[in-house]
Protein backbone atom coordinates (compact mmCIF):
# COMPACT_ATOMS: atom_id res chain seq x y z
CA MET A 1 -0.09 -0.01 -0.01
CA TRP A 2 3.00 2.20 0.97
CA SER A 3 4.36 1.67 -2.55
CA ARG A 4 1.15 2.24 -4.58
CA PHE A 5 0.40 5.47 -2.40
CA SER A 6 4.20 6.93 -2.98
CA ARG A 7 3.73 5.94 -6.67
CA PHE A 8 0.69 7.87 -6.98
CA ILE A 9 2.09 11.07 -5.05
CA LEU A 10 5.65 10.90 -6.95
CA HIS A 11 3.71 11.04 -10.43
CA SER A 12 1.31 13.69 -9.59
CA PRO A 13 2.24 16.87 -11.60
CA ILE A 14 2.16 19.11 -8.68
CA GLN A 15 4.20 17.03 -6.90
CA HIS A 16 6.71 16.76 -9.78
CA GLN A 17 6.62 20.82 -10.06
CA ARG A 18 7.23 21.05 -6.14
CA ILE A 19 10.36 18.82 -6.27
CA HIS A 20 11.49 20.46 -9.30
CA GLY A 21 11.48 23.85 -8.03
CA ALA A 22 13.04 23.00 -4.55
CA ALA A 23 15.96 21.01 -6.13
CA VAL A 24 18.44 23.63 -5.63
CA ALA A 25 17.21 24.84 -2.31
CA VAL A 26 17.32 20.94 -1.05
CA LEU A 27 20.95 20.55 -2.51
CA LEU A 28 22.45 23.82 -0.67
CA LEU A 29 20.68 22.58 2.62
CA ARG A 30 22.10 19.17 2.31
CA LEU A 31 25.59 20.42 1.50
CA VAL A 32 25.48 22.99 4.53
CA GLU A 33 24.08 20.04 6.63
CA GLY A 34 26.98 17.64 5.62
CA ALA A 35 29.88 20.27 5.68
CA ALA A 36 28.82 21.08 9.37
CA CYS A 37 28.70 17.47 10.33
CA TRP A 38 31.77 16.79 8.37
CA ALA A 39 33.57 19.94 10.27
CA ILE A 40 32.36 18.59 13.75
CA VAL A 41 33.54 14.98 13.22
CA TYR A 42 36.79 15.68 11.43
CA ALA A 43 37.77 18.55 13.95
CA VAL A 44 36.88 16.80 17.03
CA PHE A 45 36.58 13.20 16.66
CA ALA A 46 38.62 12.10 13.86
CA GLU A 47 41.72 9.71 14.92
CA LEU A 48 39.67 9.47 18.29
CA THR A 49 36.81 7.36 17.29
CA VAL A 50 37.39 6.62 13.62
CA ARG A 51 39.87 7.44 10.89
CA ALA A 52 40.05 10.53 9.20
CA TRP A 53 40.11 8.87 5.75
CA VAL A 54 36.80 7.35 6.79
CA VAL A 55 35.28 10.75 7.78
CA HIS A 56 36.24 11.90 4.27
CA PHE A 57 35.08 8.94 2.30
CA ASN A 58 31.78 9.18 4.32
CA PHE A 59 30.85 12.66 3.41
CA THR A 60 32.39 12.81 0.09
CA ALA A 61 30.20 9.92 -0.93
CA TYR A 62 27.18 11.93 0.81
CA ALA A 63 27.77 14.92 -1.44
CA ILE A 64 28.10 12.94 -4.71
CA VAL A 65 25.16 11.04 -4.12
CA ASN A 66 22.96 14.09 -3.51
CA LEU A 67 24.75 16.02 -6.34
CA ALA A 68 23.09 12.93 -8.45
CA LEU A 69 19.95 13.10 -6.82
CA PHE A 70 20.04 16.77 -7.58
CA PHE A 71 20.07 16.07 -11.27
CA VAL A 72 17.22 13.51 -10.78
CA HIS A 73 15.20 16.03 -9.10
CA ARG A 74 15.69 18.46 -11.94
CA ARG A 75 14.55 16.07 -14.44
CA GLU A 76 11.44 15.33 -12.40
CA ALA A 77 11.99 11.47 -12.95
CA LEU A 78 11.77 10.42 -9.21
CA THR A 79 10.28 6.80 -8.56
CA PRO A 80 9.52 5.25 -4.90
CA GLY A 81 12.74 3.24 -5.56
CA LEU A 82 14.62 6.44 -5.71
CA VAL A 83 13.08 7.94 -2.87
CA TRP A 84 14.19 5.27 -0.74
CA LEU A 85 17.57 5.64 -2.19
CA ASP A 86 17.57 9.46 -1.22
CA ILE A 87 16.55 8.31 2.27
CA ALA A 88 19.19 5.74 2.80
CA ALA A 89 21.89 8.05 1.07
CA ASN A 90 21.08 10.82 3.69
CA LEU A 91 20.32 8.94 6.89
CA LEU A 92 23.18 6.39 6.65
CA PRO A 93 26.10 8.88 6.55
CA MET A 94 24.36 10.87 9.35
CA GLY A 95 23.80 8.07 11.24
CA ALA A 96 27.67 7.07 11.17
CA ALA A 97 28.70 10.53 11.98
CA ALA A 98 26.55 10.33 14.92
CA HIS A 99 27.85 7.02 16.07
CA TRP A 100 31.36 8.39 15.89
CA SER A 101 30.59 11.46 17.81
CA GLY A 102 28.63 10.04 20.82
CA GLY A 103 25.95 7.77 19.72
CA ILE A 104 22.76 8.93 21.49
CA TYR A 105 24.72 11.57 23.09
CA SER A 106 25.75 13.04 19.68
CA PRO A 107 25.18 16.82 19.04
CA LEU A 108 24.63 15.65 15.66
CA LEU A 109 21.13 13.92 16.44
CA PRO A 110 19.21 17.16 15.91
CA ILE A 111 20.22 16.82 12.05
CA PHE A 112 17.40 13.98 11.83
CA ALA A 113 14.96 15.96 12.99
CA LEU A 114 15.57 18.48 10.01
CA LYS A 115 15.76 15.50 7.56
CA ILE A 116 12.31 14.45 8.62
CA GLY A 117 10.94 18.06 8.39
CA SER A 118 12.53 18.34 4.92
CA TYR A 119 11.28 15.23 3.68
CA GLY A 120 7.76 16.23 4.67
CA LEU A 121 7.88 19.40 3.29
CA ILE A 122 9.33 18.51 -0.25
CA TYR A 123 7.96 15.05 -0.99
CA GLY A 124 4.90 15.05 0.82
CA ALA A 125 3.53 13.53 4.29
CA ASP A 126 3.69 10.04 3.42
CA ILE A 127 7.47 10.19 2.64
CA GLY A 128 7.89 12.32 5.81
CA VAL A 129 6.39 9.44 7.59
CA GLN A 130 8.84 6.80 5.90
CA SER A 131 11.86 8.97 6.90
CA LEU A 132 10.81 9.24 10.33
CA VAL A 133 10.42 5.31 10.50
CA ALA A 134 13.75 5.17 9.06
CA SER A 135 15.08 7.72 11.54
CA VAL A 136 13.73 5.68 14.33
CA ILE A 137 15.19 2.61 13.07
CA MET A 138 18.78 3.98 12.84
CA ALA A 139 18.35 5.64 16.19
CA ALA A 140 17.66 2.23 17.86
CA ALA A 141 20.57 0.59 15.73
CA VAL A 142 23.14 3.22 17.48
CA ALA A 143 21.47 2.68 20.79
CA ALA A 144 21.83 -1.18 20.37
CA LEU A 145 25.54 -0.69 19.16
CA GLU A 146 26.13 1.29 22.44
CA HIS A 147 24.47 -1.08 24.73
CA LEU A 148 26.69 -4.07 22.99
CA GLY A 149 29.80 -2.13 24.02
CA LEU A 150 30.52 -1.57 20.32
CA GLY A 151 30.08 2.15 20.52
CA PRO A 152 33.12 4.65 21.19
CA THR A 153 32.13 5.60 24.42
CA GLU A 154 35.49 5.44 26.13
CA ALA A 155 37.19 7.52 23.33
CA ILE A 156 34.41 10.29 23.50
CA ALA A 157 35.09 10.65 27.14
CA GLN A 158 38.41 12.06 26.48
CA VAL A 159 36.48 14.95 24.78
CA PRO A 160 35.80 17.49 27.66
CA LEU A 161 32.16 17.84 28.60
CA LEU A 162 32.20 21.64 27.98
CA ALA A 163 33.52 21.31 24.68
CA ARG A 164 30.90 18.67 23.68
CA GLN A 165 28.19 21.03 24.98
CA ARG A 166 29.80 24.06 23.06
CA LEU A 167 29.47 21.59 19.74
CA ALA A 168 25.86 20.64 20.49
CA LEU A 169 24.95 24.02 21.05
CA ALA A 170 26.85 25.64 17.96
CA PHE A 171 25.15 22.62 15.91
CA GLU A 172 21.86 23.37 17.47
CA VAL A 173 21.89 27.02 16.40
CA LEU A 174 22.83 26.06 12.87
CA ILE A 175 19.75 23.75 12.75
CA LEU A 176 17.71 26.26 14.08
CA GLY A 177 18.80 28.84 11.60
CA ILE A 178 18.29 26.15 8.95
CA GLY A 179 14.73 25.40 10.21
CA VAL A 180 13.64 28.95 10.63
CA GLY A 181 14.98 29.21 6.80
CA GLY A 182 12.77 26.18 5.72
CA GLY A 183 9.78 27.28 8.17
CA LEU A 184 9.70 30.80 6.02
CA ARG A 185 9.82 28.65 3.05
CA PHE A 186 7.31 26.49 4.19
CA PHE A 187 5.04 29.39 4.91
CA ARG A 188 5.50 30.92 1.76
CA ILE A 189 4.47 27.87 -0.10
CA LEU A 190 1.24 27.60 2.13
CA GLN A 191 0.73 31.27 1.03
CA GLU A 192 1.13 30.44 -2.47
CA ARG A 193 -0.87 27.40 -2.43
CA GLU A 194 -3.80 29.47 -0.65
CA SER A 195 -3.46 32.12 -3.14
CA ARG A 196 -3.74 29.77 -6.02
CA LEU A 197 -6.63 27.66 -4.34
CA GLY A 198 -8.37 31.03 -3.74
CA ILE A 199 -8.12 31.66 -7.55
CA VAL A 200 -9.01 28.44 -8.19
CA VAL A 201 -12.01 28.44 -6.11
CA LEU A 202 -13.37 31.63 -7.77
CA GLU A 203 -12.71 30.23 -11.05
CA LYS A 204 -14.93 27.31 -10.13
CA GLN A 205 -17.46 29.61 -8.79
CA THR A 206 -17.61 31.54 -11.87
CA LEU A 207 -17.85 28.29 -14.13
CA TYR A 208 -20.69 26.79 -11.75
CA GLU A 209 -22.53 30.17 -11.88
CA GLU A 210 -22.05 30.12 -15.58
CA SER A 211 -23.36 26.46 -15.68
CA LEU A 212 -26.32 27.32 -14.13
CA ARG A 213 -26.98 30.20 -16.54
CA HIS A 214 -26.51 28.02 -19.37
CA GLN A 215 -28.65 25.38 -17.60
CA SER A 216 -31.50 27.89 -17.18
CA GLN A 217 -31.38 29.15 -20.80
CA LEU A 218 -31.28 25.45 -21.75
CA ARG A 219 -34.30 24.83 -19.49
CA ARG A 220 -36.49 27.68 -20.99
CA LEU A 221 -35.32 26.98 -24.54
CA SER A 222 -36.63 23.50 -23.73
CA GLN A 223 -39.71 24.84 -22.48
CA LYS A 224 -40.36 26.91 -25.67
CA MET A 225 -39.74 23.98 -27.71
CA LEU A 226 -42.32 21.86 -25.68
CA GLN A 227 -45.00 24.86 -26.11
CA VAL A 228 -44.11 25.13 -30.13
CA SER A 229 -44.20 21.02 -30.34
CA GLU A 230 -47.63 21.06 -28.40
CA ALA A 231 -49.07 23.97 -30.37
CA THR A 232 -47.90 22.59 -33.69
CA MET A 233 -49.53 18.96 -32.68
CA ARG A 234 -52.71 20.83 -31.63
CA ARG A 235 -52.75 23.04 -34.83
CA LEU A 236 -52.07 20.05 -37.08
CA ALA A 237 -54.52 17.93 -35.24
CA ARG A 238 -57.13 20.36 -35.76
CA GLU A 239 -56.45 20.62 -39.57
CA LEU A 240 -56.65 16.91 -39.83
CA HIS A 241 -60.05 16.76 -37.98
CA ASP A 242 -61.69 19.69 -39.12
CA ASP A 243 -60.46 20.44 -42.76
CA LEU A 244 -59.32 17.16 -44.10
CA GLY A 245 -62.10 15.32 -42.05
CA GLN A 246 -64.71 17.61 -43.18
CA ALA A 247 -63.51 17.31 -46.75
CA LEU A 248 -63.48 13.31 -46.58
CA THR A 249 -66.85 13.44 -45.16
CA ALA A 250 -68.20 15.63 -47.75
CA VAL A 251 -66.76 13.47 -50.33
CA ARG A 252 -68.51 10.35 -48.52
CA ILE A 253 -71.79 11.93 -48.48
CA ASP A 254 -71.71 12.88 -52.14
CA LEU A 255 -70.72 9.39 -52.98
CA GLY A 256 -73.64 8.24 -51.09
CA LEU A 257 -75.93 10.55 -53.10
CA ILE A 258 -74.35 9.33 -56.31
CA ASP A 259 -74.89 5.63 -55.08
CA ARG A 260 -78.67 6.50 -54.65
CA GLU A 261 -79.03 8.24 -58.09
CA LEU A 262 -77.57 5.13 -59.91
CA ALA A 263 -79.80 2.23 -61.14
CA ALA A 264 -80.09 -0.75 -59.02
CA ASP A 265 -78.49 -2.77 -61.78
CA SER A 266 -75.72 -0.29 -62.69
CA ALA A 267 -72.39 -1.75 -62.78
CA LEU A 268 -71.03 1.53 -61.08
CA ARG A 269 -72.94 1.25 -58.00
CA ALA A 270 -70.48 -1.38 -56.58
CA ARG A 271 -67.46 0.56 -57.27
CA VAL A 272 -68.97 3.70 -55.69
CA ARG A 273 -69.75 1.76 -52.71
CA GLU A 274 -66.37 0.01 -52.53
CA ALA A 275 -64.74 3.93 -52.75
CA ARG A 276 -67.39 5.23 -50.28
CA GLU A 277 -66.14 2.66 -47.55
CA GLN A 278 -62.45 3.44 -48.50
CA ILE A 279 -63.00 7.04 -47.69
CA GLY A 280 -64.73 5.91 -44.56
CA ALA A 281 -61.70 3.96 -43.52
CA ILE A 282 -59.46 6.75 -44.32
CA LEU A 283 -61.54 9.07 -42.36
CA ARG A 284 -61.24 6.85 -39.46
CA ASP A 285 -57.67 6.70 -39.58
CA VAL A 286 -57.56 10.49 -39.84
CA ARG A 287 -59.48 10.92 -36.89
CA ASN A 288 -57.33 8.48 -34.83
CA LEU A 289 -54.05 10.18 -35.98
CA SER A 290 -55.78 13.61 -34.79
CA GLN A 291 -56.60 12.07 -31.65
CA LEU A 292 -52.80 10.62 -31.33
CA LEU A 293 -51.42 13.99 -32.21
CA ARG A 294 -53.32 16.09 -29.74
CA PRO A 295 -57.12 15.09 -28.64
CA ALA A 296 -59.65 17.73 -28.93
CA VAL A 297 -61.09 16.36 -25.48
CA LEU A 298 -57.91 17.20 -23.58
CA ASP A 299 -58.09 20.93 -24.50
CA ASP A 300 -61.97 21.18 -24.43
CA LEU A 301 -62.81 18.95 -21.11
CA GLY A 302 -59.41 18.35 -19.61
CA LEU A 303 -57.10 15.53 -18.30
CA LEU A 304 -59.54 13.07 -17.10
CA PRO A 305 -61.85 12.60 -19.82
CA ALA A 306 -58.81 12.50 -22.28
CA MET A 307 -57.21 9.76 -20.17
CA GLN A 308 -60.71 7.77 -20.09
CA SER A 309 -60.97 8.09 -24.01
CA TYR A 310 -57.32 7.19 -24.69
CA LEU A 311 -57.42 4.14 -22.21
CA SER A 312 -60.67 2.93 -23.70
CA SER A 313 -59.30 3.15 -27.37
CA PHE A 314 -56.07 1.57 -25.99
CA GLY A 315 -57.71 -1.54 -24.56
CA GLU A 316 -59.51 -2.20 -27.75
CA ARG A 317 -56.39 -1.88 -29.91
CA THR A 318 -54.17 -4.13 -27.54
CA ASN A 319 -56.68 -6.54 -25.70
CA VAL A 320 -55.02 -5.29 -22.50
CA LEU A 321 -57.16 -4.83 -19.21
CA VAL A 322 -56.73 -1.41 -18.19
CA THR A 323 -57.99 0.02 -14.95
CA LEU A 324 -58.09 3.86 -14.28
CA ASP A 325 -58.10 5.19 -10.60
CA THR A 326 -58.53 9.01 -10.56
CA PRO A 327 -59.55 11.66 -8.12
CA LYS A 328 -62.49 13.97 -8.52
CA LEU A 329 -61.05 17.34 -9.57
CA GLU A 330 -62.63 20.55 -8.53
CA LYS A 331 -60.96 22.53 -11.18
CA ARG A 332 -58.62 21.77 -14.02
CA LEU A 333 -55.15 21.43 -13.72
CA PRO A 334 -52.65 24.05 -15.21
CA ALA A 335 -52.23 23.33 -19.08
CA PRO A 336 -48.43 22.24 -18.90
CA VAL A 337 -49.17 19.60 -16.34
CA GLU A 338 -52.15 18.26 -18.19
CA VAL A 339 -50.29 17.97 -21.42
CA THR A 340 -47.01 16.57 -19.81
CA LEU A 341 -49.12 13.78 -17.80
CA TYR A 342 -51.23 13.05 -20.59
CA ARG A 343 -47.83 12.51 -23.00
CA ALA A 344 -46.20 10.48 -20.23
CA MET A 345 -49.35 8.46 -19.94
CA GLN A 346 -49.04 7.91 -23.78
CA GLU A 347 -45.40 6.94 -23.90
CA ALA A 348 -45.95 4.52 -20.96
CA LEU A 349 -48.90 2.72 -22.53
CA THR A 350 -46.85 2.53 -25.87
CA ASN A 351 -43.98 0.98 -24.10
CA VAL A 352 -46.63 -1.58 -22.68
CA ALA A 353 -47.88 -2.48 -26.09
CA ARG A 354 -44.59 -2.80 -27.74
CA HIS A 355 -42.24 -4.44 -25.14
CA SER A 356 -43.87 -5.35 -21.82
CA ASP A 357 -46.34 -8.40 -22.96
CA ALA A 358 -48.46 -7.42 -20.22
CA HIS A 359 -52.15 -8.44 -19.53
CA ASN A 360 -53.05 -5.96 -17.18
CA VAL A 361 -52.25 -2.14 -16.58
CA HIS A 362 -53.39 0.00 -13.66
CA VAL A 363 -53.03 3.74 -14.28
CA CYS A 364 -53.56 5.93 -11.01
CA LEU A 365 -53.56 9.68 -10.78
CA GLN A 366 -53.14 11.33 -7.33
CA THR A 367 -53.52 15.03 -6.56
CA MET A 368 -51.87 16.83 -3.35
CA PRO A 369 -51.90 20.56 -2.60
CA ASP A 370 -48.66 21.33 -4.12
CA ALA A 371 -48.13 18.33 -6.52
CA VAL A 372 -49.50 15.67 -8.89
CA THR A 373 -48.43 12.24 -9.46
CA LEU A 374 -49.27 9.73 -12.30
CA ARG A 375 -48.29 6.06 -12.02
CA VAL A 376 -48.52 3.45 -14.77
CA SER A 377 -48.10 -0.03 -13.44
CA ASP A 378 -48.11 -3.36 -15.65
CA ASP A 379 -47.76 -7.22 -15.11
CA GLY A 380 -45.49 -7.54 -18.05
CA CYS A 381 -41.94 -9.01 -18.51
CA GLY A 382 -39.94 -6.11 -17.20
CA PHE A 383 -36.31 -4.93 -17.78
CA ASP A 384 -33.18 -3.66 -16.21
CA ALA A 385 -34.22 -0.12 -15.65
CA ALA A 386 -31.23 1.06 -13.83
CA ALA A 387 -28.82 -0.04 -16.54
CA PHE A 388 -31.15 1.15 -19.35
CA MET A 389 -31.42 4.33 -17.94
CA ARG A 390 -27.81 4.64 -17.61
CA ALA A 391 -27.04 3.53 -20.94
CA PRO A 392 -30.08 3.27 -23.37
CA PRO A 393 -29.64 1.18 -26.36
CA PRO A 394 -29.11 3.39 -29.73
CA GLN A 395 -32.34 1.97 -31.07
CA HIS A 396 -34.52 2.34 -28.06
CA GLY A 397 -35.18 4.52 -24.90
CA MET A 398 -36.02 7.72 -26.71
CA GLY A 399 -39.41 7.69 -25.13
CA LEU A 400 -38.23 7.24 -21.91
CA ILE A 401 -35.54 10.07 -22.23
CA GLY A 402 -38.20 12.49 -23.60
CA MET A 403 -40.41 11.68 -20.64
CA ARG A 404 -37.64 12.30 -18.25
CA GLU A 405 -36.45 15.67 -20.11
CA ARG A 406 -40.31 16.67 -19.89
CA ALA A 407 -40.20 16.00 -16.20
CA ALA A 408 -36.99 17.99 -15.76
CA THR A 409 -38.23 20.96 -17.68
CA TYR A 410 -41.12 21.44 -15.36
CA ALA A 411 -39.13 20.71 -12.19
CA GLY A 412 -40.73 17.31 -11.82
CA ASN A 413 -39.37 13.81 -10.85
CA LEU A 414 -39.67 10.58 -13.02
CA THR A 415 -38.91 7.24 -11.60
CA ILE A 416 -38.91 3.60 -13.21
CA GLU A 417 -39.02 0.82 -11.14
CA SER A 418 -38.63 -2.57 -13.24
CA ARG A 419 -36.68 -5.77 -13.03
CA PRO A 420 -36.92 -9.01 -15.32
CA GLY A 421 -39.82 -10.75 -14.67
CA THR A 422 -41.47 -8.09 -12.13
CA GLY A 423 -43.29 -5.89 -14.41
CA THR A 424 -42.65 -2.22 -14.66
CA CYS A 425 -43.91 0.92 -12.71
CA VAL A 426 -43.43 4.50 -14.37
CA GLU A 427 -43.95 7.33 -11.70
CA LEU A 428 -44.09 10.91 -12.66
CA THR A 429 -44.72 13.91 -10.08
CA LEU A 430 -44.93 17.20 -10.89
CA PRO A 431 -45.36 20.36 -8.87
CA LEU A 432 -48.12 22.72 -8.60
CA GLY A 433 -46.85 26.21 -8.26
CA ALA A 434 -46.14 29.66 -9.52
CA THR A 435 -43.37 28.08 -11.71
CA ILE A 436 -45.91 25.85 -13.34
CA GLU A 437 -48.76 28.60 -13.70
CA SER A 438 -46.38 30.79 -15.36
CA LEU A 439 -45.62 28.46 -18.10
CA GLU A 440 -49.37 28.18 -19.40
CA GLU A 441 -48.71 31.37 -21.52
CA GLY A 442 -48.17 29.63 -25.11
CA TYR A 443 -50.27 26.59 -24.26
CA GLY A 444 -53.59 28.47 -25.33
CA ASP A 445 -52.52 30.26 -28.33
CA ASP A 446 -51.64 28.85 -31.63
CA SER A 447 -52.23 31.90 -33.50
CA ARG A 448 -48.49 31.99 -34.53
CA PHE A 449 -48.86 28.87 -36.55
CA ALA A 450 -51.94 29.76 -38.43
CA GLY A 451 -51.75 29.34 -42.25
């Protein structure tokens, strides 16, 4: 888990940018630390607890590795393995120096706190914790060596206590200075981050407000399109019912008059009757199409009579037993609500006829003071509604998507509950308020579409 988290952190663009920008400061900090530790160990403890060439080799290796890591930092090519190499290359030389200069009483021990802080600041909290664990392990190893009598305790005793205290004080002052500098840098980084965060938050807020404006505009556009669509269908339904229907009726009547004027043995009489029957069938198709487009009863009498009329014809066409449960409405609902509920019922029953293989359908309309709910349930084969709404097939689903968009346009809520073998329940709830009332404009006037 540590390696996965480290890999995620170290491959973050922001993390790489921070490491890249801090590479020079990190190198200078480590060279100063190494030089100070080298000076103390070489000037005081060399040849007393360790050979001088070992001290030189230790800190030369320390400097070379940190120079190499500097170029890695600049290339932004860090990996978890390189981070652990960085930790080891920095802590092992310092652990050896602490061992030579007094073990757990060494004046160099504060360097480990600075190391941990720098790792946490530059690499992130998780790498800082890893460096802390490594430092604790190293301190335990130094203490174990001393406990086993492998430490240079007797040789260190030859260094006066006052001298060791002064070394510790001087080194702590150096560490304090470096820590103050690092702290100031840390606060500056925090300030820059807060400034960038404030800019990002402001930009996100601006984008959010702009998206809300666009959503509002799209919602108004959708409302207008629905109004235009309904007005167009109403106009077309009237033209079919009144103009074309009347014309076909007149032709049918004229053919009836011609039929009566022909002689009983006339050969044309059968052809006239056949033409009259064909016109009658066309007239019925025109009336059915007019009802499908926009039933006149919906505009003239309201939602409940329109629902009763449609369900009656639906039952006759499909041989499905349909039951209707509706309240007594003291007054008509707003026009957008009636149209939306009627269209939702139409689409739900169309899906029942096409896909459900149902034998029974129950339609229920419930009204509340502030909302109205339409529920259409069947005992058909059902389907996976959740998967269907997430990714509807390209050839299907436009009706359900249209129902959902209509519901969203009028701040309503559409839910579809279905599982294979359990039937389907479609429920649409629309609010009754000032928002809906204000949308009635445009539903009652189709003069714009007059020829």
